[in-house]
Amino acid sequence: MYIYLNGKVLSKDDAMISPYDHGFMYGLGAFETFRTYDGFPFLIDEHLTRLHEALDELNINLKMDSDTVMEMVRTLLAKNKLSNAYFRLNVSAGVGDIGLQTEPYIEPVVILYTKPLVETSSIPEKELVLLKTRRNTPEGEKRLKSHHYLNSILGKKELSNMNQEGIFLTQEGYISEGTVSNLFWYKDKKLYTPHSSTGILEGITRKWVMHAAKELNIPLETGNYNIETLKEAAEVFLTNSIQELVPVSHFQGTMFSGAEGEVYQKFRELYMRHTKEQYRSI
């Protein structure tokens, strides 16, 4: 498999970074994951906006436009002989001395990773599992998609198989998010999702669903909710930029509509339509 590293396409076995990179030493780095449809990275402008917000917070001087990223994507798709793929665009702070640095990082390391997507003919459903691990609070003003992922790893270790997704509660006992997903549920003709104040990562697909709810004329509410609220829902689904919209089948003995849910189907149909419309307009 080939990756992109600071302007060069290299075999993953030949790619190297300095042990003095502060992304490695102090976790100063941010990334975005996205997938392509017919070779086009979906919602790439939204991903880059969030990436730049994180880089500003981390004091890393870098600006990338969507044309540059799309060229990198096309190059890797061709080099790896893929038509569509999973991508991770990673920006690490770059080389610095031992010790904490407050000056801006002006020579960051840019890596674009890729791997094949696992395509399935059916829509996989997930079981929700309440995690014992609590969602930690963001280290700064809000959660960044940064190199700090221990909390999610600890949560994922509690899961027994790939068909499960764990749900974090905050220290106060409110629903926040999954180990790698945001959460939505439908109850009494209204869609619900936890508020950003619960410390969640404000996912790109989450934002897409929130905008799509307006297009579909489905009322949406955000707030702080306890776990019992989920057991009263008719439909529950997860959002993730790689897995898209994932229906939930059950949680603690409560069954949901899963992939057959009427509301879920409306969002999924609109989502797939948008993935096709995006590259027709360029």
C-alpha atoms as a PDB file:
ATOM      1  CA  MET A   1       0.000   0.000   0.000  1.00  0.00           C
ATOM      2  CA  TYR A   2       1.250   3.484  -0.876  1.00  0.00           C
ATOM      3  CA  ILE A   3       0.749   6.629   1.197  1.00  0.00           C
ATOM      4  CA  TYR A   4       1.376  10.339   0.674  1.00  0.00           C
ATOM      5  CA  LEU A   5       4.036  11.925   2.913  1.00  0.00           C
ATOM      6  CA  ASN A   6       5.013  15.591   2.578  1.00  0.00           C
ATOM      7  CA  GLY A   7       4.616  15.735  -1.195  1.00  0.00           C
ATOM      8  CA  LYS A   8       5.944  12.254  -1.959  1.00  0.00           C
ATOM      9  CA  VAL A   9       4.145   8.989  -2.658  1.00  0.00           C
ATOM     10  CA  LEU A  10       5.933   6.211  -0.788  1.00  0.00           C
ATOM     11  CA  SER A  11       5.400   2.593   0.128  1.00  0.00           C
ATOM     12  CA  LYS A  12       4.125   2.430   3.687  1.00  0.00           C
ATOM     13  CA  ASP A  13       7.242   0.370   4.513  1.00  0.00           C
ATOM     14  CA  ASP A  14       9.526   3.192   3.310  1.00  0.00           C
ATOM     15  CA  ALA A  15       7.685   6.079   4.977  1.00  0.00           C
ATOM     16  CA  MET A  16       9.379   7.536   8.063  1.00  0.00           C
ATOM     17  CA  ILE A  17       9.064  10.585  10.336  1.00  0.00           C
ATOM     18  CA  SER A  18      11.453  12.007  12.920  1.00  0.00           C
ATOM     19  CA  PRO A  19      11.327  10.698  16.503  1.00  0.00           C
ATOM     20  CA  TYR A  20      11.430  14.402  17.464  1.00  0.00           C
ATOM     21  CA  ASP A  21       8.090  15.073  15.775  1.00  0.00           C
ATOM     22  CA  HIS A  22       5.901  16.701  18.430  1.00  0.00           C
ATOM     23  CA  GLY A  23       2.911  14.816  17.087  1.00  0.00           C
ATOM     24  CA  PHE A  24       4.660  11.681  18.319  1.00  0.00           C
ATOM     25  CA  MET A  25       6.223  13.199  21.455  1.00  0.00           C
ATOM     26  CA  TYR A  26       3.282  15.284  22.734  1.00  0.00           C
ATOM     27  CA  GLY A  27       0.250  14.268  20.674  1.00  0.00           C
ATOM     28  CA  LEU A  28       0.163  17.570  18.763  1.00  0.00           C
ATOM     29  CA  GLY A  29      -1.610  16.550  15.603  1.00  0.00           C
ATOM     30  CA  ALA A  30      -5.053  16.414  14.020  1.00  0.00           C
ATOM     31  CA  PHE A  31      -6.661  14.290  11.362  1.00  0.00           C
ATOM     32  CA  GLU A  32      -9.773  13.750   9.272  1.00  0.00           C
ATOM     33  CA  THR A  33     -11.162  10.496   7.929  1.00  0.00           C
ATOM     34  CA  PHE A  34     -13.331  10.403   4.832  1.00  0.00           C
ATOM     35  CA  ARG A  35     -14.272   8.113   1.987  1.00  0.00           C
ATOM     36  CA  THR A  36     -14.597   8.528  -1.742  1.00  0.00           C
ATOM     37  CA  TYR A  37     -17.567   7.905  -4.006  1.00  0.00           C
ATOM     38  CA  ASP A  38     -16.626   7.495  -7.676  1.00  0.00           C
ATOM     39  CA  GLY A  39     -13.228   8.832  -6.705  1.00  0.00           C
ATOM     40  CA  PHE A  40     -14.535  12.020  -5.056  1.00  0.00           C
ATOM     41  CA  PRO A  41     -14.003  12.666  -1.321  1.00  0.00           C
ATOM     42  CA  PHE A  42     -17.440  13.304   0.170  1.00  0.00           C
ATOM     43  CA  LEU A  43     -17.906  16.530   2.179  1.00  0.00           C
ATOM     44  CA  ILE A  44     -14.209  17.363   1.791  1.00  0.00           C
ATOM     45  CA  ASP A  45     -14.738  21.100   2.328  1.00  0.00           C
ATOM     46  CA  GLU A  46     -16.441  20.424   5.664  1.00  0.00           C
ATOM     47  CA  HIS A  47     -13.636  18.087   6.699  1.00  0.00           C
ATOM     48  CA  LEU A  48     -10.988  20.676   5.835  1.00  0.00           C
ATOM     49  CA  THR A  49     -12.832  23.389   7.758  1.00  0.00           C
ATOM     50  CA  ARG A  50     -12.794  21.237  10.893  1.00  0.00           C
ATOM     51  CA  LEU A  51      -9.167  20.276  10.311  1.00  0.00           C
ATOM     52  CA  HIS A  52      -8.100  23.918  10.026  1.00  0.00           C
ATOM     53  CA  GLU A  53      -9.970  24.779  13.235  1.00  0.00           C
ATOM     54  CA  ALA A  54      -8.044  22.033  15.037  1.00  0.00           C
ATOM     55  CA  LEU A  55      -4.705  23.115  13.566  1.00  0.00           C
ATOM     56  CA  ASP A  56      -5.311  26.691  14.691  1.00  0.00           C
ATOM     57  CA  GLU A  57      -5.994  25.433  18.217  1.00  0.00           C
ATOM     58  CA  LEU A  58      -2.808  23.325  18.122  1.00  0.00           C
ATOM     59  CA  ASN A  59      -0.712  26.259  16.833  1.00  0.00           C
ATOM     60  CA  ILE A  60       0.176  24.449  13.595  1.00  0.00           C
ATOM     61  CA  ASN A  61       0.549  26.723  10.569  1.00  0.00           C
ATOM     62  CA  LEU A  62      -0.944  24.962   7.566  1.00  0.00           C
ATOM     63  CA  LYS A  63      -3.688  25.666   5.058  1.00  0.00           C
ATOM     64  CA  MET A  64      -4.860  23.109   2.523  1.00  0.00           C
ATOM     65  CA  ASP A  65      -7.516  23.596  -0.123  1.00  0.00           C
ATOM     66  CA  SER A  66      -9.841  20.951  -1.479  1.00  0.00           C
ATOM     67  CA  ASP A  67      -8.185  20.930  -4.928  1.00  0.00           C
ATOM     68  CA  THR A  68      -4.859  19.957  -3.347  1.00  0.00           C
ATOM     69  CA  VAL A  69      -6.444  17.179  -1.304  1.00  0.00           C
ATOM     70  CA  MET A  70      -8.416  15.867  -4.294  1.00  0.00           C
ATOM     71  CA  GLU A  71      -5.217  15.638  -6.326  1.00  0.00           C
ATOM     72  CA  MET A  72      -3.558  13.693  -3.491  1.00  0.00           C
ATOM     73  CA  VAL A  73      -6.592  11.404  -3.349  1.00  0.00           C
ATOM     74  CA  ARG A  74      -6.592  10.758  -7.098  1.00  0.00           C
ATOM     75  CA  THR A  75      -2.859  10.011  -7.032  1.00  0.00           C
ATOM     76  CA  LEU A  76      -3.208   7.427  -4.261  1.00  0.00           C
ATOM     77  CA  LEU A  77      -6.268   5.807  -5.825  1.00  0.00           C
ATOM     78  CA  ALA A  78      -4.327   5.326  -9.060  1.00  0.00           C
ATOM     79  CA  LYS A  79      -1.104   4.194  -7.374  1.00  0.00           C
ATOM     80  CA  ASN A  80      -2.950   1.657  -5.191  1.00  0.00           C
ATOM     81  CA  LYS A  81      -5.253   0.573  -8.041  1.00  0.00           C
ATOM     82  CA  LEU A  82      -8.405   1.460  -6.103  1.00  0.00           C
ATOM     83  CA  SER A  83     -11.653   2.976  -7.354  1.00  0.00           C
ATOM     84  CA  ASN A  84     -12.865   4.035  -3.909  1.00  0.00           C
ATOM     85  CA  ALA A  85     -11.172   3.936  -0.536  1.00  0.00           C
ATOM     86  CA  TYR A  86     -10.969   4.947   3.102  1.00  0.00           C
ATOM     87  CA  PHE A  87      -8.677   7.959   3.651  1.00  0.00           C
ATOM     88  CA  ARG A  88      -7.078   9.521   6.712  1.00  0.00           C
ATOM     89  CA  LEU A  89      -5.547  12.977   6.238  1.00  0.00           C
ATOM     90  CA  ASN A  90      -3.125  13.483   9.118  1.00  0.00           C
ATOM     91  CA  VAL A  91      -1.228  16.643  10.070  1.00  0.00           C
ATOM     92  CA  SER A  92       1.434  16.330  12.749  1.00  0.00           C
ATOM     93  CA  ALA A  93       3.175  19.319  14.344  1.00  0.00           C
ATOM     94  CA  GLY A  94       6.632  18.497  13.028  1.00  0.00           C
ATOM     95  CA  VAL A  95      10.105  18.433  14.534  1.00  0.00           C
ATOM     96  CA  GLY A  96      10.859  20.324  17.747  1.00  0.00           C
ATOM     97  CA  ASP A  97      13.193  20.165  20.722  1.00  0.00           C
ATOM     98  CA  ILE A  98      12.520  18.096  23.817  1.00  0.00           C
ATOM     99  CA  GLY A  99      10.170  20.201  25.928  1.00  0.00           C
ATOM    100  CA  LEU A 100       6.868  21.949  25.422  1.00  0.00           C
ATOM    101  CA  GLN A 101       6.751  24.524  22.633  1.00  0.00           C
ATOM    102  CA  THR A 102       4.456  27.556  22.550  1.00  0.00           C
ATOM    103  CA  GLU A 103       5.735  29.055  19.281  1.00  0.00           C
ATOM    104  CA  PRO A 104       3.858  28.136  16.096  1.00  0.00           C
ATOM    105  CA  TYR A 105       4.857  24.979  14.240  1.00  0.00           C
ATOM    106  CA  ILE A 106       5.741  26.064  10.704  1.00  0.00           C
ATOM    107  CA  GLU A 107       6.907  22.777   9.136  1.00  0.00           C
ATOM    108  CA  PRO A 108       4.202  20.207   9.906  1.00  0.00           C
ATOM    109  CA  VAL A 109       4.173  16.663   8.577  1.00  0.00           C
ATOM    110  CA  VAL A 110       1.298  15.909   6.187  1.00  0.00           C
ATOM    111  CA  ILE A 111       0.348  12.287   5.621  1.00  0.00           C
ATOM    112  CA  LEU A 112      -2.528  10.861   3.606  1.00  0.00           C
ATOM    113  CA  TYR A 113      -3.199   7.214   4.448  1.00  0.00           C
ATOM    114  CA  THR A 114      -5.541   4.974   2.500  1.00  0.00           C
ATOM    115  CA  LYS A 115      -6.958   1.474   2.609  1.00  0.00           C
ATOM    116  CA  PRO A 116      -9.656  -0.403   0.679  1.00  0.00           C
ATOM    117  CA  LEU A 117     -13.263  -0.125   1.764  1.00  0.00           C
ATOM    118  CA  VAL A 118     -15.162  -3.220   2.778  1.00  0.00           C
ATOM    119  CA  GLU A 119     -18.293  -3.162   0.626  1.00  0.00           C
ATOM    120  CA  THR A 120     -21.400  -5.090   1.687  1.00  0.00           C
ATOM    121  CA  SER A 121     -24.642  -5.734  -0.158  1.00  0.00           C
ATOM    122  CA  SER A 122     -26.762  -5.403   2.988  1.00  0.00           C
ATOM    123  CA  ILE A 123     -26.953  -2.660   5.623  1.00  0.00           C
ATOM    124  CA  PRO A 124     -25.171  -3.882   8.778  1.00  0.00           C
ATOM    125  CA  GLU A 125     -26.893  -3.173  12.081  1.00  0.00           C
ATOM    126  CA  LYS A 126     -25.224  -2.570  15.430  1.00  0.00           C
ATOM    127  CA  GLU A 127     -25.999  -3.450  19.016  1.00  0.00           C
ATOM    128  CA  LEU A 128     -25.458  -0.590  21.460  1.00  0.00           C
ATOM    129  CA  VAL A 129     -23.447  -1.335  24.600  1.00  0.00           C
ATOM    130  CA  LEU A 130     -23.323   1.009  27.589  1.00  0.00           C
ATOM    131  CA  LEU A 131     -19.663   1.525  28.472  1.00  0.00           C
ATOM    132  CA  LYS A 132     -18.260   1.532  31.996  1.00  0.00           C
ATOM    133  CA  THR A 133     -15.600   3.971  30.816  1.00  0.00           C
ATOM    134  CA  ARG A 134     -16.880   7.554  31.005  1.00  0.00           C
ATOM    135  CA  ARG A 135     -16.315  10.093  28.238  1.00  0.00           C
ATOM    136  CA  ASN A 136     -13.451  12.322  29.287  1.00  0.00           C
ATOM    137  CA  THR A 137     -13.810  16.094  29.009  1.00  0.00           C
ATOM    138  CA  PRO A 138     -11.980  17.875  26.168  1.00  0.00           C
ATOM    139  CA  GLU A 139      -8.484  19.127  26.994  1.00  0.00           C
ATOM    140  CA  GLY A 140      -9.326  22.487  25.461  1.00  0.00           C
ATOM    141  CA  GLU A 141     -12.495  24.431  24.793  1.00  0.00           C
ATOM    142  CA  LYS A 142     -13.961  21.661  22.642  1.00  0.00           C
ATOM    143  CA  ARG A 143     -13.044  18.195  21.475  1.00  0.00           C
ATOM    144  CA  LEU A 144     -10.663  18.049  18.526  1.00  0.00           C
ATOM    145  CA  LYS A 145     -10.136  15.122  16.182  1.00  0.00           C
ATOM    146  CA  SER A 146      -6.592  14.900  17.452  1.00  0.00           C
ATOM    147  CA  HIS A 147      -3.987  12.267  18.273  1.00  0.00           C
ATOM    148  CA  HIS A 148      -5.470  11.871  21.781  1.00  0.00           C
ATOM    149  CA  TYR A 149      -7.577   8.704  21.428  1.00  0.00           C
ATOM    150  CA  LEU A 150      -6.961   6.731  24.618  1.00  0.00           C
ATOM    151  CA  ASN A 151     -10.508   7.315  25.911  1.00  0.00           C
ATOM    152  CA  SER A 152     -12.024   5.770  22.777  1.00  0.00           C
ATOM    153  CA  ILE A 153      -9.552   2.882  22.842  1.00  0.00           C
ATOM    154  CA  LEU A 154     -10.455   2.085  26.454  1.00  0.00           C
ATOM    155  CA  GLY A 155     -14.121   2.133  25.478  1.00  0.00           C
ATOM    156  CA  LYS A 156     -13.588  -0.095  22.460  1.00  0.00           C
ATOM    157  CA  LYS A 157     -11.773  -2.672  24.618  1.00  0.00           C
ATOM    158  CA  GLU A 158     -15.081  -3.245  26.420  1.00  0.00           C
ATOM    159  CA  LEU A 159     -16.771  -4.459  23.215  1.00  0.00           C
ATOM    160  CA  SER A 160     -16.833  -8.154  22.376  1.00  0.00           C
ATOM    161  CA  ASN A 161     -17.341  -8.034  18.601  1.00  0.00           C
ATOM    162  CA  MET A 162     -17.503  -5.810  15.501  1.00  0.00           C
ATOM    163  CA  ASN A 163     -21.308  -5.757  15.563  1.00  0.00           C
ATOM    164  CA  GLN A 164     -21.320  -3.672  18.738  1.00  0.00           C
ATOM    165  CA  GLU A 165     -20.802   0.043  19.323  1.00  0.00           C
ATOM    166  CA  GLY A 166     -20.193   1.431  22.789  1.00  0.00           C
ATOM    167  CA  ILE A 167     -21.929   4.491  24.159  1.00  0.00           C
ATOM    168  CA  PHE A 168     -20.111   6.825  26.528  1.00  0.00           C
ATOM    169  CA  LEU A 169     -21.837   8.680  29.314  1.00  0.00           C
ATOM    170  CA  THR A 170     -20.405  11.908  30.691  1.00  0.00           C
ATOM    171  CA  GLN A 171     -19.269  12.107  34.296  1.00  0.00           C
ATOM    172  CA  GLU A 172     -22.716  13.593  35.043  1.00  0.00           C
ATOM    173  CA  GLY A 173     -24.438  10.577  33.474  1.00  0.00           C
ATOM    174  CA  TYR A 174     -25.592  12.129  30.187  1.00  0.00           C
ATOM    175  CA  ILE A 175     -25.399  10.363  26.820  1.00  0.00           C
ATOM    176  CA  SER A 176     -22.500  11.699  24.759  1.00  0.00           C
ATOM    177  CA  GLU A 177     -21.303   9.606  21.792  1.00  0.00           C
ATOM    178  CA  GLY A 178     -19.943   6.279  20.645  1.00  0.00           C
ATOM    179  CA  THR A 179     -16.323   5.176  20.506  1.00  0.00           C
ATOM    180  CA  VAL A 180     -16.164   6.240  16.841  1.00  0.00           C
ATOM    181  CA  SER A 181     -19.618   7.651  16.168  1.00  0.00           C
ATOM    182  CA  ASN A 182     -22.275  10.208  16.963  1.00  0.00           C
ATOM    183  CA  LEU A 183     -25.739   9.113  18.064  1.00  0.00           C
ATOM    184  CA  PHE A 184     -29.285   9.960  16.959  1.00  0.00           C
ATOM    185  CA  TRP A 185     -32.660   8.598  18.018  1.00  0.00           C
ATOM    186  CA  TYR A 186     -36.236   9.172  16.912  1.00  0.00           C
ATOM    187  CA  LYS A 187     -39.101   9.388  19.389  1.00  0.00           C
ATOM    188  CA  ASP A 188     -42.565  10.973  19.271  1.00  0.00           C
ATOM    189  CA  LYS A 189     -42.028  12.380  15.760  1.00  0.00           C
ATOM    190  CA  LYS A 190     -38.814  14.167  16.731  1.00  0.00           C
ATOM    191  CA  LEU A 191     -35.122  13.456  16.167  1.00  0.00           C
ATOM    192  CA  TYR A 192     -32.711  13.800  19.105  1.00  0.00           C
ATOM    193  CA  THR A 193     -28.939  13.996  19.468  1.00  0.00           C
ATOM    194  CA  PRO A 194     -26.674  14.992  22.400  1.00  0.00           C
ATOM    195  CA  HIS A 195     -25.623  18.639  22.586  1.00  0.00           C
ATOM    196  CA  SER A 196     -21.995  19.571  21.941  1.00  0.00           C
ATOM    197  CA  SER A 197     -21.738  20.600  25.610  1.00  0.00           C
ATOM    198  CA  THR A 198     -21.513  16.874  26.478  1.00  0.00           C
ATOM    199  CA  GLY A 199     -17.964  16.968  25.099  1.00  0.00           C
ATOM    200  CA  ILE A 200     -18.650  15.090  21.861  1.00  0.00           C
ATOM    201  CA  LEU A 201     -16.680  15.427  18.678  1.00  0.00           C
ATOM    202  CA  GLU A 202     -18.944  17.391  16.355  1.00  0.00           C
ATOM    203  CA  GLY A 203     -18.896  14.883  13.524  1.00  0.00           C
ATOM    204  CA  ILE A 204     -19.124  15.866   9.874  1.00  0.00           C
ATOM    205  CA  THR A 205     -21.824  13.273   9.189  1.00  0.00           C
ATOM    206  CA  ARG A 206     -23.612  14.415  12.364  1.00  0.00           C
ATOM    207  CA  LYS A 207     -23.752  17.930  10.927  1.00  0.00           C
ATOM    208  CA  TRP A 208     -24.988  16.540   7.627  1.00  0.00           C
ATOM    209  CA  VAL A 209     -27.872  14.768   9.413  1.00  0.00           C
ATOM    210  CA  MET A 210     -28.765  17.948  11.302  1.00  0.00           C
ATOM    211  CA  HIS A 211     -29.019  19.883   8.018  1.00  0.00           C
ATOM    212  CA  ALA A 212     -30.823  17.001   6.315  1.00  0.00           C
ATOM    213  CA  ALA A 213     -33.445  16.972   9.078  1.00  0.00           C
ATOM    214  CA  LYS A 214     -34.492  20.462   7.938  1.00  0.00           C
ATOM    215  CA  GLU A 215     -34.675  19.292   4.334  1.00  0.00           C
ATOM    216  CA  LEU A 216     -36.851  16.359   5.408  1.00  0.00           C
ATOM    217  CA  ASN A 217     -38.987  18.529   7.720  1.00  0.00           C
ATOM    218  CA  ILE A 218     -38.138  16.393  10.739  1.00  0.00           C
ATOM    219  CA  PRO A 219     -37.952  18.365  14.017  1.00  0.00           C
ATOM    220  CA  LEU A 220     -34.561  18.090  15.712  1.00  0.00           C
ATOM    221  CA  GLU A 221     -33.655  18.654  19.355  1.00  0.00           C
ATOM    222  CA  THR A 222     -30.242  18.673  21.032  1.00  0.00           C
ATOM    223  CA  GLY A 223     -29.697  18.532  24.778  1.00  0.00           C
ATOM    224  CA  ASN A 224     -28.538  16.526  27.779  1.00  0.00           C
ATOM    225  CA  TYR A 225     -30.302  13.171  28.029  1.00  0.00           C
ATOM    226  CA  ASN A 226     -30.073  10.193  30.377  1.00  0.00           C
ATOM    227  CA  ILE A 227     -29.688   6.656  29.134  1.00  0.00           C
ATOM    228  CA  GLU A 228     -33.322   5.721  29.808  1.00  0.00           C
ATOM    229  CA  THR A 229     -34.325   8.035  26.953  1.00  0.00           C
ATOM    230  CA  LEU A 230     -32.870   5.577  24.444  1.00  0.00           C
ATOM    231  CA  LYS A 231     -35.144   2.794  25.620  1.00  0.00           C
ATOM    232  CA  GLU A 232     -38.168   4.938  24.714  1.00  0.00           C
ATOM    233  CA  ALA A 233     -37.032   5.493  21.112  1.00  0.00           C
ATOM    234  CA  ALA A 234     -38.551   3.888  18.044  1.00  0.00           C
ATOM    235  CA  GLU A 235     -35.392   4.242  15.940  1.00  0.00           C
ATOM    236  CA  VAL A 236     -31.718   4.728  16.749  1.00  0.00           C
ATOM    237  CA  PHE A 237     -28.829   5.202  14.351  1.00  0.00           C
ATOM    238  CA  LEU A 238     -25.153   6.144  14.427  1.00  0.00           C
ATOM    239  CA  THR A 239     -23.151   8.416  12.144  1.00  0.00           C
ATOM    240  CA  ASN A 240     -19.568   8.026  11.007  1.00  0.00           C
ATOM    241  CA  SER A 241     -17.838   9.368   7.875  1.00  0.00           C
ATOM    242  CA  ILE A 242     -16.601   5.908   6.857  1.00  0.00           C
ATOM    243  CA  GLN A 243     -19.544   3.765   7.993  1.00  0.00           C
ATOM    244  CA  GLU A 244     -22.071   6.444   6.921  1.00  0.00           C
ATOM    245  CA  LEU A 245     -25.433   6.000   8.718  1.00  0.00           C
ATOM    246  CA  VAL A 246     -25.551   2.841  10.821  1.00  0.00           C
ATOM    247  CA  PRO A 247     -28.892   1.553  12.141  1.00  0.00           C
ATOM    248  CA  VAL A 248     -29.058   0.192  15.697  1.00  0.00           C
ATOM    249  CA  SER A 249     -30.958  -3.051  16.232  1.00  0.00           C
ATOM    250  CA  HIS A 250     -31.138  -3.202  20.036  1.00  0.00           C
ATOM    251  CA  PHE A 251     -29.886  -1.910  23.363  1.00  0.00           C
ATOM    252  CA  GLN A 252     -30.187  -3.609  26.766  1.00  0.00           C
ATOM    253  CA  GLY A 253     -33.119  -5.754  25.679  1.00  0.00           C
ATOM    254  CA  THR A 254     -34.954  -2.959  23.835  1.00  0.00           C
ATOM    255  CA  MET A 255     -35.464  -3.627  20.130  1.00  0.00           C
ATOM    256  CA  PHE A 256     -35.511  -0.868  17.514  1.00  0.00           C
ATOM    257  CA  SER A 257     -36.595  -0.750  13.866  1.00  0.00           C
ATOM    258  CA  GLY A 258     -32.997  -0.988  12.676  1.00  0.00           C
ATOM    259  CA  ALA A 259     -32.435  -0.787   8.922  1.00  0.00           C
ATOM    260  CA  GLU A 260     -36.183  -1.028   8.323  1.00  0.00           C
ATOM    261  CA  GLY A 261     -36.878   2.176  10.220  1.00  0.00           C
ATOM    262  CA  GLU A 262     -38.895   4.661   8.183  1.00  0.00           C
ATOM    263  CA  VAL A 263     -36.929   7.686   9.370  1.00  0.00           C
ATOM    264  CA  TYR A 264     -33.591   5.947   8.972  1.00  0.00           C
ATOM    265  CA  GLN A 265     -34.509   5.012   5.403  1.00  0.00           C
ATOM    266  CA  LYS A 266     -35.340   8.635   4.576  1.00  0.00           C
ATOM    267  CA  PHE A 267     -31.947   9.839   5.800  1.00  0.00           C
ATOM    268  CA  ARG A 268     -30.070   7.028   4.086  1.00  0.00           C
ATOM    269  CA  GLU A 269     -31.784   7.620   0.737  1.00  0.00           C
ATOM    270  CA  LEU A 270     -31.008  11.332   0.935  1.00  0.00           C
ATOM    271  CA  TYR A 271     -27.418  10.628   1.964  1.00  0.00           C
ATOM    272  CA  MET A 272     -26.787   8.314  -0.977  1.00  0.00           C
ATOM    273  CA  ARG A 273     -28.378  10.825  -3.325  1.00  0.00           C
ATOM    274  CA  HIS A 274     -26.079  13.558  -2.036  1.00  0.00           C
ATOM    275  CA  THR A 275     -22.994  11.370  -2.525  1.00  0.00           C
ATOM    276  CA  LYS A 276     -23.934  11.051  -6.194  1.00  0.00           C
ATOM    277  CA  GLU A 277     -24.867  14.702  -6.684  1.00  0.00           C
ATOM    278  CA  GLN A 278     -21.602  16.075  -5.235  1.00  0.00           C
ATOM    279  CA  TYR A 279     -19.289  14.949  -8.016  1.00  0.00           C
ATOM    280  CA  ARG A 280     -21.753  15.666 -10.810  1.00  0.00           C
ATOM    281  CA  SER A 281     -21.605  19.343  -9.870  1.00  0.00           C
ATOM    282  CA  ILE A 282     -17.805  19.733 -10.081  1.00  0.00           C
END
